[in-house]
Protein backbone atom coordinates (compact mmCIF):
# COMPACT_ATOMS: atom_id res chain seq x y z
CA MET A 1 72.46 139.80 75.01
CA ILE A 2 72.19 138.99 71.30
CA PRO A 3 71.19 141.99 69.19
CA ALA A 4 68.02 141.74 67.15
CA VAL A 5 68.28 140.63 63.54
CA ARG A 6 67.71 143.45 61.10
CA PHE A 7 66.77 143.28 57.48
CA GLY A 8 67.86 145.89 54.99
CA ARG A 9 70.72 148.34 54.80
CA VAL A 10 73.61 148.08 57.27
CA PRO A 11 75.42 151.36 57.96
CA LYS A 12 79.10 151.59 56.98
CA ARG A 13 80.27 152.09 60.58
CA GLU A 14 78.44 149.01 61.72
CA LYS A 15 79.81 146.98 58.80
CA ALA A 16 83.32 148.11 59.75
CA ARG A 17 82.72 147.22 63.41
CA ILE A 18 81.39 143.77 62.46
CA ALA A 19 84.36 143.16 60.13
CA GLU A 20 86.84 144.19 62.85
CA GLU A 21 85.16 141.92 65.39
CA MET A 22 85.22 138.97 62.97
CA ALA A 23 88.91 139.58 62.21
CA ARG A 24 89.72 139.80 65.93
CA LEU A 25 87.90 136.54 66.64
CA ALA A 26 89.68 134.83 63.74
CA ASP A 27 93.06 136.00 65.08
CA VAL A 28 92.25 134.78 68.59
CA SER A 29 91.06 131.44 67.21
CA ALA A 30 94.21 130.97 65.11
CA PHE A 31 96.45 131.88 68.06
CA THR A 32 94.59 129.48 70.35
CA SER A 33 94.92 126.66 67.82
CA LEU A 34 98.63 127.31 67.40
CA LYS A 35 99.13 127.50 71.16
CA LYS A 36 97.40 124.15 71.67
CA ALA A 37 99.44 122.59 68.87
CA VAL A 38 102.82 123.52 70.36
CA GLU A 39 102.01 123.11 74.06
CA ASP A 40 103.22 119.52 74.03
CA ALA A 41 106.66 119.78 72.39
CA SER A 42 107.30 116.04 72.48
CA SER A 43 104.06 115.39 70.64
CA VAL A 44 105.00 117.93 67.97
CA LEU A 45 108.45 116.39 67.57
CA GLU A 46 107.00 112.88 67.45
CA THR A 47 104.50 113.92 64.78
CA CYS A 48 107.25 115.53 62.67
CA VAL A 49 109.50 112.48 62.92
CA SER A 50 106.70 110.05 62.06
CA GLY A 51 105.72 112.23 59.09
CA PHE A 52 109.31 112.29 57.86
CA LEU A 53 109.62 108.51 58.19
CA LEU A 54 106.37 108.07 56.26
CA LEU A 55 107.76 110.34 53.53
CA VAL A 56 111.00 108.33 53.36
CA ASP A 57 109.08 105.04 53.09
CA THR A 58 106.80 106.46 50.40
CA LEU A 59 109.73 107.76 48.35
CA ARG A 60 111.62 104.49 48.76
CA ALA A 61 108.61 102.52 47.49
CA PHE A 62 108.22 104.93 44.54
CA ILE A 63 111.90 104.63 43.61
CA GLU A 64 111.79 100.85 43.80
CA GLN A 65 108.81 100.79 41.39
CA SER A 66 110.47 103.13 38.87
CA PRO A 67 111.98 101.66 35.70
CA LEU A 68 115.76 101.40 35.66
CA GLN A 69 116.07 104.14 33.04
CA TYR A 70 114.97 106.73 35.61
CA TRP A 71 117.48 105.69 38.24
CA CYS A 72 120.63 107.64 38.84
CA PRO A 73 123.51 105.98 36.91
CA VAL A 74 125.87 106.54 39.84
CA ARG A 75 123.81 104.29 42.07
């Protein structure tokens, strides 16, 4: 049952109870999200690898566009 909506002053104890309940729900929600994210290990690994490859391609394109004065002289 949903409690009735009140207008006006909220007692300190009730504020504390509401804050604790909101924090608990946030923790449960974060844990559930994390659990869902790592349930499929191959999907996580695949996502990490594809992200890394995208980063490598982006950096390679950036380096190729850079003027020669910014390149490493050893290269």
